[in-house]
Amino acid sequence: MKNNNIAVVAIGGNSLIKDKQHVTVEDQYLAAKETTIHIADMIEAGWNVAIGHGNGPQVGFILRRSEIAHKVEGMHEVPLDVCGADTQGAIGYALQQNLQNILTKRGIKKSVATVITQVAVDPKDQAFKNPTKPIGSFMDEENAKTREKDLGWKVVEDAGRGWRRVVPSPKPIKILEEEAIGILLREGTVVITVGGGGIPVIKVDDEYKGVAAVIDKDYASALLAISINADLFLISTAVEKVALNFGKPNQKWVDHMTLEQADQYLKEGIHFAEGSMAPKIKAIIWYLREGGKKAIITNPENISRALKGETGTTIVP
């Protein structure tokens, strides 16, 4: 049944990197192809779709190459905001080419476009005073302290595995390309946007400039869904459904939640891990509180079934 509603689909890292043995550009392209097949099913069912995606591992690869090239050849290092732009382009290319090929084979006349997206953050956000997001490769203490002194990095010891750079993870407040994204969607174009949470920028003397930070991609996708008044916010992740007491003997899969229930489960602090499901639930709560209609969490292969109410976890106001 055709519906012509707008959906924001946020795809996680598992949609691009299956495991540590499949990390090449070709591996990522093939993983993107699998995910876009399921998004094409949504489009065929009549949805207008905006796609957000993660970029954590890809940014890590660029930073590592940059570090090696700097150490071995004296090449300039790549700033974090530029890493974000690079990955938006590369991942967007893999997604849009795969999706365009699938739609063409199905006889669906739709354009697919990637928008390099800047997302404004508040320079006074408390995250800038307390950087917590680990990025890049592990270092020994001496190297870490040298970079802290010479480059102004904040570094921390990471669970006995070595030292890592940490950066702020501020809350997104405005998508700069929001108007362009809205125009493309209304014209029927599939838009790949807010990649990796968007490139974080702040306003200085009436001009925007990039900052060394990482925005949570689910929060940025939620902001996008709020900004364009999306009818559905769908988070595609590694699990088919959300579970209460995840990983414990009393684990229980959840088919349906209200906003109030989701908020209560989150406050209980025992169900959703901060590094995995908690940010997704927080993003959905934000979307629904701002007038969102429906959210779904499921894995890529179950998107079509979840839209029919056959699986996944549906969260409503």
Protein backbone atom coordinates (compact mmCIF):
# COMPACT_ATOMS: atom_id res chain seq x y z
CA MET A 1 0.00 0.00 0.00
CA LYS A 2 1.41 3.40 -0.95
CA ASN A 3 1.70 5.93 1.86
CA ASN A 4 4.21 8.66 0.82
CA ASN A 5 5.13 9.28 4.45
CA ILE A 6 8.63 10.36 5.50
CA ALA A 7 10.88 8.03 7.49
CA VAL A 8 14.29 8.71 8.98
CA VAL A 9 16.32 5.50 9.10
CA ALA A 10 19.46 5.49 11.27
CA ILE A 11 21.76 2.60 10.41
CA GLY A 12 24.45 1.38 12.80
CA GLY A 13 27.99 0.21 12.32
CA ASN A 14 26.93 -3.41 11.72
CA SER A 15 25.31 -2.21 8.50
CA LEU A 16 28.78 -1.35 7.15
CA ILE A 17 31.25 -3.58 8.99
CA LYS A 18 30.10 -7.12 9.77
CA ASP A 19 33.09 -8.15 11.88
CA LYS A 20 36.85 -7.61 12.32
CA GLN A 21 37.58 -9.96 9.42
CA HIS A 22 35.55 -7.87 6.94
CA VAL A 23 36.76 -4.27 7.11
CA THR A 24 38.10 -3.51 3.62
CA VAL A 25 36.42 -0.94 1.39
CA GLU A 26 35.01 -3.81 -0.71
CA ASP A 27 33.69 -5.58 2.42
CA GLN A 28 31.99 -2.36 3.55
CA TYR A 29 30.48 -1.85 0.10
CA LEU A 30 28.97 -5.35 0.14
CA ALA A 31 27.64 -4.81 3.68
CA ALA A 32 26.07 -1.53 2.57
CA LYS A 33 24.45 -3.39 -0.34
CA GLU A 34 22.74 -5.83 2.05
CA THR A 35 21.34 -2.98 4.14
CA THR A 36 20.14 -0.95 1.14
CA ILE A 37 18.13 -3.94 -0.12
CA HIS A 38 15.94 -3.64 3.00
CA ILE A 39 15.69 0.15 2.67
CA ALA A 40 14.68 -0.32 -0.98
CA ASP A 41 11.80 -2.48 0.28
CA MET A 42 10.64 0.48 2.38
CA ILE A 43 10.87 2.79 -0.62
CA GLU A 44 8.95 0.31 -2.78
CA ALA A 45 6.22 0.30 -0.11
CA GLY A 46 5.88 4.07 -0.59
CA TRP A 47 8.09 5.61 2.07
CA ASN A 48 10.17 8.71 1.38
CA VAL A 49 13.41 7.99 3.21
CA ALA A 50 16.27 9.96 4.76
CA ILE A 51 19.19 7.78 5.88
CA GLY A 52 21.55 8.58 8.73
CA HIS A 53 24.56 6.36 9.46
CA GLY A 54 27.43 5.76 11.86
CA ASN A 55 31.09 6.30 10.95
CA GLY A 56 33.10 5.43 14.07
CA PRO A 57 35.33 2.69 12.62
CA GLN A 58 35.86 4.60 9.36
CA VAL A 59 37.00 7.75 11.19
CA GLY A 60 39.31 5.52 13.22
CA PHE A 61 40.84 4.14 9.99
CA ILE A 62 41.46 7.65 8.61
CA LEU A 63 43.03 8.82 11.87
CA ARG A 64 45.31 5.76 11.95
CA ARG A 65 46.42 6.27 8.33
CA SER A 66 46.98 9.93 9.10
CA GLU A 67 49.11 9.11 12.15
CA ILE A 68 51.26 6.61 10.21
CA ALA A 69 51.72 8.96 7.25
CA HIS A 70 52.69 11.77 9.61
CA LYS A 71 55.18 9.60 11.50
CA VAL A 72 56.74 7.91 8.45
CA GLU A 73 56.53 10.58 5.74
CA GLY A 74 55.95 13.82 7.63
CA MET A 75 52.54 14.28 6.00
CA HIS A 76 50.05 16.64 7.63
CA GLU A 77 47.50 15.02 9.95
CA VAL A 78 43.77 15.18 9.15
CA PRO A 79 41.59 17.21 11.57
CA LEU A 80 38.64 15.37 13.11
CA ASP A 81 35.95 17.50 11.44
CA VAL A 82 37.53 16.79 8.03
CA CYS A 83 37.59 13.05 8.88
CA GLY A 84 33.84 13.36 9.41
CA ALA A 85 33.37 15.02 6.03
CA ASP A 86 35.55 12.39 4.32
CA THR A 87 33.54 9.52 5.78
CA GLN A 88 30.21 11.16 4.93
CA GLY A 89 31.32 11.25 1.30
CA ALA A 90 32.77 7.73 1.17
CA ILE A 91 29.97 5.98 3.07
CA GLY A 92 27.36 8.05 1.26
CA TYR A 93 28.88 6.96 -2.06
CA ALA A 94 28.62 3.25 -1.11
CA LEU A 95 25.03 3.62 0.10
CA GLN A 96 23.77 5.79 -2.75
CA GLN A 97 25.36 3.72 -5.52
CA ASN A 98 24.03 0.46 -4.10
CA LEU A 99 20.57 1.88 -3.45
CA GLN A 100 20.38 3.56 -6.86
CA ASN A 101 21.35 0.28 -8.58
CA ILE A 102 18.68 -1.68 -6.65
CA LEU A 103 15.94 0.87 -7.32
CA THR A 104 16.80 0.97 -11.03
CA LYS A 105 16.65 -2.84 -11.27
CA ARG A 106 13.21 -2.73 -9.64
CA GLY A 107 12.00 -0.08 -12.08
CA ILE A 108 11.63 2.57 -9.37
CA LYS A 109 12.47 6.04 -10.70
CA LYS A 110 13.96 7.78 -7.70
CA SER A 111 17.16 9.76 -7.26
CA VAL A 112 19.51 9.12 -4.34
CA ALA A 113 21.78 11.91 -3.05
CA THR A 114 24.29 12.33 -0.23
CA VAL A 115 24.32 15.67 1.57
CA ILE A 116 27.54 16.53 3.40
CA THR A 117 25.87 17.70 6.60
CA GLN A 118 27.03 20.17 9.23
CA VAL A 119 25.35 20.06 12.63
CA ALA A 120 25.61 23.02 14.99
CA VAL A 121 26.45 22.42 18.64
CA ASP A 122 26.58 24.80 21.59
CA PRO A 123 30.18 25.85 22.37
CA LYS A 124 29.06 26.09 26.02
CA ASP A 125 27.86 22.46 26.04
CA GLN A 126 29.20 20.75 29.17
CA ALA A 127 30.65 17.98 26.95
CA PHE A 128 33.46 20.36 25.96
CA LYS A 129 34.56 20.55 29.60
CA ASN A 130 34.43 16.77 29.98
CA PRO A 131 35.47 14.91 26.79
CA THR A 132 34.44 11.25 27.04
CA LYS A 133 34.26 9.84 23.48
CA PRO A 134 37.31 7.65 22.65
CA ILE A 135 38.57 7.95 19.06
CA GLY A 136 41.55 6.78 17.05
CA SER A 137 44.12 4.12 17.84
CA PHE A 138 45.63 3.01 21.15
CA MET A 139 48.94 4.59 22.23
CA ASP A 140 51.51 3.98 24.92
CA GLU A 141 51.56 6.48 27.78
CA GLU A 142 54.65 8.36 26.56
CA ASN A 143 53.21 8.92 23.07
CA ALA A 144 49.83 9.91 24.53
CA LYS A 145 51.36 12.46 26.90
CA THR A 146 53.48 13.92 24.10
CA ARG A 147 50.39 14.44 21.93
CA GLU A 148 48.54 15.92 24.89
CA LYS A 149 51.36 18.44 25.34
CA ASP A 150 52.08 19.21 21.67
CA LEU A 151 48.58 18.98 20.15
CA GLY A 152 46.37 19.87 23.11
CA TRP A 153 44.64 16.47 23.08
CA LYS A 154 42.78 15.08 26.09
CA VAL A 155 44.00 11.50 26.61
CA VAL A 156 42.87 8.75 28.98
CA GLU A 157 43.90 5.23 29.89
CA ASP A 158 41.27 2.91 28.38
CA ALA A 159 40.48 -0.19 30.45
CA GLY A 160 44.02 -1.52 30.54
CA ARG A 161 44.28 -1.62 26.75
CA GLY A 162 46.40 1.49 26.32
CA TRP A 163 45.90 5.23 26.06
CA ARG A 164 43.44 6.90 23.69
CA ARG A 165 42.39 10.38 22.70
CA VAL A 166 38.95 11.41 23.95
CA VAL A 167 36.84 14.19 22.45
CA PRO A 168 33.60 15.94 23.45
CA SER A 169 30.24 14.48 22.41
CA PRO A 170 27.91 17.53 22.51
CA LYS A 171 24.18 17.45 21.84
CA PRO A 172 23.14 18.51 18.32
CA ILE A 173 21.03 21.68 18.19
CA LYS A 174 20.59 22.55 14.49
CA ILE A 175 21.13 20.85 11.14
CA LEU A 176 22.52 23.52 8.83
CA GLU A 177 21.40 21.80 5.62
CA GLU A 178 17.90 21.10 6.97
CA GLU A 179 16.14 23.20 4.30
CA ALA A 180 17.99 21.53 1.42
CA ILE A 181 17.26 18.07 2.85
CA GLY A 182 13.56 18.93 3.16
CA ILE A 183 13.39 20.15 -0.46
CA LEU A 184 15.06 16.97 -1.74
CA LEU A 185 12.70 14.74 0.27
CA ARG A 186 9.60 16.59 -0.91
CA GLU A 187 10.79 16.13 -4.49
CA GLY A 188 11.04 12.37 -3.88
CA THR A 189 14.82 12.08 -3.58
CA VAL A 190 16.25 9.57 -1.11
CA VAL A 191 18.68 11.57 1.07
CA ILE A 192 21.73 10.23 2.90
CA THR A 193 22.53 12.77 5.59
CA VAL A 194 23.82 13.49 9.14
CA GLY A 195 26.50 10.85 8.53
CA GLY A 196 28.31 9.98 11.73
CA GLY A 197 26.06 12.42 13.57
CA GLY A 198 27.00 15.24 11.22
CA ILE A 199 30.13 17.40 11.16
CA PRO A 200 30.05 19.32 14.48
CA VAL A 201 30.34 23.07 13.98
CA ILE A 202 30.09 26.12 16.23
CA LYS A 203 29.33 29.74 15.40
CA VAL A 204 32.19 32.20 15.90
CA ASP A 205 31.64 35.88 14.93
CA ASP A 206 28.69 34.94 12.68
CA GLU A 207 30.70 32.25 10.90
CA TYR A 208 30.57 28.50 11.36
CA LYS A 209 33.74 26.52 11.98
CA GLY A 210 34.36 22.83 12.61
CA VAL A 211 35.33 21.56 16.06
CA ALA A 212 37.06 18.40 17.29
CA ALA A 213 34.02 16.54 18.60
CA VAL A 214 31.74 13.61 17.77
CA ILE A 215 27.95 13.87 17.77
CA ASP A 216 25.96 10.72 18.56
CA LYS A 217 24.44 9.58 15.25
CA ASP A 218 21.15 8.48 16.84
CA TYR A 219 20.72 11.93 18.46
CA ALA A 220 21.48 13.63 15.16
CA SER A 221 19.03 11.36 13.33
CA ALA A 222 16.40 12.14 15.98
CA LEU A 223 16.97 15.86 15.46
CA LEU A 224 16.60 15.33 11.72
CA ALA A 225 13.33 13.43 12.27
CA ILE A 226 12.07 16.27 14.50
CA SER A 227 13.21 18.99 12.08
CA ILE A 228 11.52 17.50 8.99
CA ASN A 229 8.45 16.29 10.92
CA ALA A 230 9.10 12.66 9.99
CA ASP A 231 6.24 10.18 10.39
CA LEU A 232 8.62 7.42 11.49
CA PHE A 233 12.03 7.23 13.16
CA LEU A 234 13.57 3.80 12.60
CA ILE A 235 16.86 2.75 14.19
CA SER A 236 18.46 -0.22 12.45
CA THR A 237 20.91 -1.97 14.75
CA ALA A 238 22.41 -5.39 15.62
CA VAL A 239 19.37 -6.84 17.43
CA GLU A 240 15.87 -7.74 16.23
CA LYS A 241 14.18 -6.30 19.32
CA VAL A 242 14.92 -4.33 22.47
CA ALA A 243 15.31 -6.43 25.63
CA LEU A 244 14.77 -5.64 29.30
CA ASN A 245 17.50 -6.96 31.61
CA PHE A 246 19.63 -7.57 28.52
CA GLY A 247 22.11 -10.44 28.83
CA LYS A 248 20.73 -11.56 32.21
CA PRO A 249 18.82 -14.78 33.08
CA ASN A 250 15.57 -12.78 33.30
CA GLN A 251 16.04 -11.11 29.90
CA LYS A 252 12.73 -10.27 28.23
CA TRP A 253 12.19 -9.14 24.62
CA VAL A 254 9.84 -6.18 24.16
CA ASP A 255 7.44 -5.83 21.22
CA HIS A 256 5.80 -2.56 22.18
CA MET A 257 6.49 0.38 24.51
CA THR A 258 4.94 3.73 25.19
CA LEU A 259 7.06 6.85 25.66
CA GLU A 260 6.27 6.73 29.40
CA GLN A 261 7.39 3.09 29.68
CA ALA A 262 10.59 3.73 27.72
CA ASP A 263 11.42 6.64 30.01
CA GLN A 264 10.75 4.53 33.12
CA TYR A 265 12.90 1.61 31.91
CA LEU A 266 15.71 4.05 31.12
CA LYS A 267 15.52 5.63 34.59
CA GLU A 268 15.72 2.19 36.23
CA GLY A 269 19.27 2.04 34.84
CA ILE A 270 19.48 -1.77 34.59
CA HIS A 271 18.08 -2.49 31.15
CA PHE A 272 19.98 -0.46 28.54
CA ALA A 273 23.79 -0.26 28.37
CA GLU A 274 25.14 3.27 28.00
CA GLY A 275 27.44 2.23 25.16
CA SER A 276 24.77 0.50 23.08
CA MET A 277 20.99 0.67 23.61
CA ALA A 278 20.68 3.62 26.03
CA PRO A 279 21.55 6.35 23.47
CA LYS A 280 19.01 4.85 21.04
CA ILE A 281 16.24 4.91 23.64
CA LYS A 282 17.19 8.48 24.65
CA ALA A 283 17.10 9.59 21.00
CA ILE A 284 13.65 8.06 20.50
CA ILE A 285 12.33 9.64 23.71
CA TRP A 286 13.53 13.02 22.44
CA TYR A 287 11.86 12.49 19.05
CA LEU A 288 8.52 11.42 20.58
CA ARG A 289 8.49 14.24 23.14
CA GLU A 290 8.94 16.73 20.30
CA GLY A 291 5.81 15.46 18.53
CA GLY A 292 7.09 12.34 16.78
CA LYS A 293 4.49 9.74 15.84
CA LYS A 294 6.22 6.36 15.95
CA ALA A 295 9.68 4.83 16.37
CA ILE A 296 10.96 1.32 15.68
CA ILE A 297 14.18 -0.47 16.68
CA THR A 298 15.15 -3.62 14.75
CA ASN A 299 17.94 -5.12 12.64
CA PRO A 300 18.30 -4.49 8.86
CA GLU A 301 16.94 -7.86 7.70
CA ASN A 302 13.73 -7.39 9.70
CA ILE A 303 12.86 -3.83 8.64
CA SER A 304 9.95 -4.88 6.37
CA ARG A 305 8.49 -7.23 8.98
CA ALA A 306 8.86 -4.60 11.69
CA LEU A 307 6.97 -2.06 9.57
CA LYS A 308 4.11 -4.58 9.41
CA GLY A 309 4.19 -5.01 13.18
CA GLU A 310 5.48 -8.60 12.97
CA THR A 311 8.73 -8.02 14.86
CA GLY A 312 11.02 -5.29 16.18
CA THR A 313 10.22 -2.99 19.10
CA THR A 314 7.71 -0.24 18.38
CA ILE A 315 7.66 2.82 20.63
CA VAL A 316 4.77 5.30 20.45
CA PRO A 317 3.76 8.47 22.36
